[in-house]
Amino acid sequence: MKKNEESLVSPKLQKVVQAMISEEYFAYQLYFFSRFAVKAEDRGVLADMFAQLGADELDDHLKDLVEWCAEYNVDVPATEAEFRRAAARPMQKIVSDLKKNQDAGYYIDQAIKQEELAI
């Protein structure tokens, strides 16, 4: 991902914000798709909670970071390749290694791992 030399923000901070955007993108994917990957009988356990958490990642965290980038002339990741280059590997791995048809506890554990990594 390119660093914008005309930005008011240092290249190092640009890289950090791009990573944060990418990690919010992967967090959104985890919450959104876990609702459909979970065993059918456990879907009700995750549906509302993960829908709300996913919306929070997308409509609050990600949106705010992207708007900040627009204000400070920072390049925003927009392709899967850019998201993968910017995000920490462990954040991506949780999503890419997600297993289907597990019980609700499995997806909750994965979400906890991802939130701990984000901290």
Protein backbone atom coordinates (compact mmCIF):
# COMPACT_ATOMS: atom_id res chain seq x y z
CA MET A 1 0.00 0.00 0.00
CA LYS A 2 1.35 3.37 -0.89
CA LYS A 3 2.13 6.10 1.57
CA ASN A 4 0.85 9.49 0.54
CA GLU A 5 3.75 11.94 0.65
CA GLU A 6 1.28 14.86 0.58
CA SER A 7 -0.48 13.68 3.73
CA LEU A 8 -0.22 15.65 6.96
CA VAL A 9 0.33 12.29 8.67
CA SER A 10 3.72 10.59 8.98
CA PRO A 11 4.29 7.47 6.85
CA LYS A 12 4.54 5.41 10.06
CA LEU A 13 1.13 6.61 11.28
CA GLN A 14 -0.36 6.06 7.82
CA LYS A 15 0.77 2.43 8.00
CA VAL A 16 -0.72 1.99 11.48
CA VAL A 17 -4.10 3.40 10.43
CA GLN A 18 -4.14 1.25 7.30
CA ALA A 19 -3.49 -1.79 9.49
CA MET A 20 -6.31 -0.77 11.84
CA ILE A 21 -8.73 -0.43 8.91
CA SER A 22 -7.70 -3.83 7.57
CA GLU A 23 -8.11 -5.48 10.95
CA GLU A 24 -11.58 -3.98 11.38
CA TYR A 25 -12.40 -5.45 7.96
CA PHE A 26 -11.33 -8.92 9.14
CA ALA A 27 -13.21 -8.50 12.42
CA TYR A 28 -16.34 -7.64 10.46
CA GLN A 29 -15.88 -10.76 8.32
CA LEU A 30 -15.54 -12.93 11.42
CA TYR A 31 -18.74 -11.62 13.00
CA PHE A 32 -20.76 -11.58 9.80
CA PHE A 33 -19.84 -15.02 8.46
CA SER A 34 -19.75 -16.82 11.81
CA ARG A 35 -23.51 -16.30 11.98
CA PHE A 36 -23.86 -18.52 8.92
CA ALA A 37 -21.00 -20.95 9.58
CA VAL A 38 -22.30 -21.98 13.02
CA LYS A 39 -24.34 -25.18 13.41
CA ALA A 40 -27.94 -24.45 12.48
CA GLU A 41 -29.19 -25.33 15.95
CA ASP A 42 -26.83 -22.74 17.51
CA ARG A 43 -27.55 -19.94 15.04
CA GLY A 44 -29.97 -18.23 17.41
CA VAL A 45 -27.24 -17.94 20.04
CA LEU A 46 -25.00 -15.90 17.73
CA ALA A 47 -27.37 -14.22 15.29
CA ASP A 48 -28.30 -11.03 17.10
CA MET A 49 -25.10 -10.56 19.09
CA PHE A 50 -22.75 -11.13 16.14
CA ALA A 51 -24.92 -9.04 13.81
CA GLN A 52 -24.66 -6.16 16.25
CA LEU A 53 -20.89 -6.63 16.74
CA GLY A 54 -20.32 -6.87 12.98
CA ALA A 55 -22.33 -3.71 12.38
CA ASP A 56 -20.28 -1.97 15.05
CA GLU A 57 -17.03 -2.97 13.35
CA LEU A 58 -18.26 -1.78 9.96
CA ASP A 59 -20.50 1.19 10.68
CA ASP A 60 -18.55 2.67 13.57
CA HIS A 61 -14.91 1.64 13.79
CA LEU A 62 -14.16 1.12 10.09
CA LYS A 63 -16.22 4.08 8.93
CA ASP A 64 -14.56 6.44 11.43
CA LEU A 65 -11.07 5.33 10.42
CA VAL A 66 -11.83 5.70 6.70
CA GLU A 67 -13.29 9.17 7.26
CA TRP A 68 -10.16 10.14 9.23
CA CYS A 69 -8.02 8.95 6.31
CA ALA A 70 -10.05 11.06 3.88
CA GLU A 71 -9.59 14.11 6.09
CA TYR A 72 -5.81 13.62 6.38
CA ASN A 73 -5.20 12.40 2.83
CA VAL A 74 -4.19 8.85 3.78
CA ASP A 75 -4.58 6.04 1.23
CA VAL A 76 -7.35 3.62 2.27
CA PRO A 77 -7.06 -0.13 1.63
CA ALA A 78 -9.77 -1.22 -0.78
CA THR A 79 -8.78 -4.62 -2.17
CA GLU A 80 -8.40 -7.99 -0.51
CA ALA A 81 -4.68 -7.90 -1.31
CA GLU A 82 -4.29 -4.50 0.37
CA PHE A 83 -6.21 -5.67 3.44
CA ARG A 84 -3.97 -8.74 3.69
CA ARG A 85 -0.75 -6.73 3.30
CA ALA A 86 -1.78 -4.22 5.98
CA ALA A 87 -3.36 -6.45 8.65
CA ALA A 88 -1.42 -8.45 11.18
CA ARG A 89 -1.18 -12.08 10.09
CA PRO A 90 -2.79 -13.50 13.26
CA MET A 91 -5.90 -11.34 12.66
CA GLN A 92 -6.26 -12.71 9.14
CA LYS A 93 -5.55 -16.26 10.22
CA ILE A 94 -8.51 -16.37 12.57
CA VAL A 95 -10.83 -15.62 9.66
CA SER A 96 -9.06 -17.77 7.07
CA ASP A 97 -8.90 -20.78 9.42
CA LEU A 98 -12.53 -20.51 10.54
CA LYS A 99 -14.26 -23.90 10.52
CA LYS A 100 -17.88 -24.37 9.49
CA ASN A 101 -20.59 -26.22 11.42
CA GLN A 102 -19.08 -25.74 14.86
CA ASP A 103 -21.04 -24.93 18.01
CA ALA A 104 -21.58 -21.35 19.15
CA GLY A 105 -18.79 -21.58 21.74
CA TYR A 106 -16.19 -22.11 19.01
CA TYR A 107 -17.15 -18.87 17.23
CA ILE A 108 -17.32 -16.94 20.48
CA ASP A 109 -13.80 -18.19 21.32
CA GLN A 110 -12.55 -17.07 17.89
CA ALA A 111 -14.12 -13.64 18.40
CA ILE A 112 -12.46 -13.33 21.82
CA LYS A 113 -9.08 -14.25 20.31
CA GLN A 114 -9.50 -11.63 17.62
CA GLU A 115 -10.55 -8.94 20.11
CA GLU A 116 -7.57 -9.78 22.34
CA LEU A 117 -5.25 -9.41 19.33
CA ALA A 118 -6.83 -6.07 18.51
CA ILE A 119 -6.00 -4.79 21.98
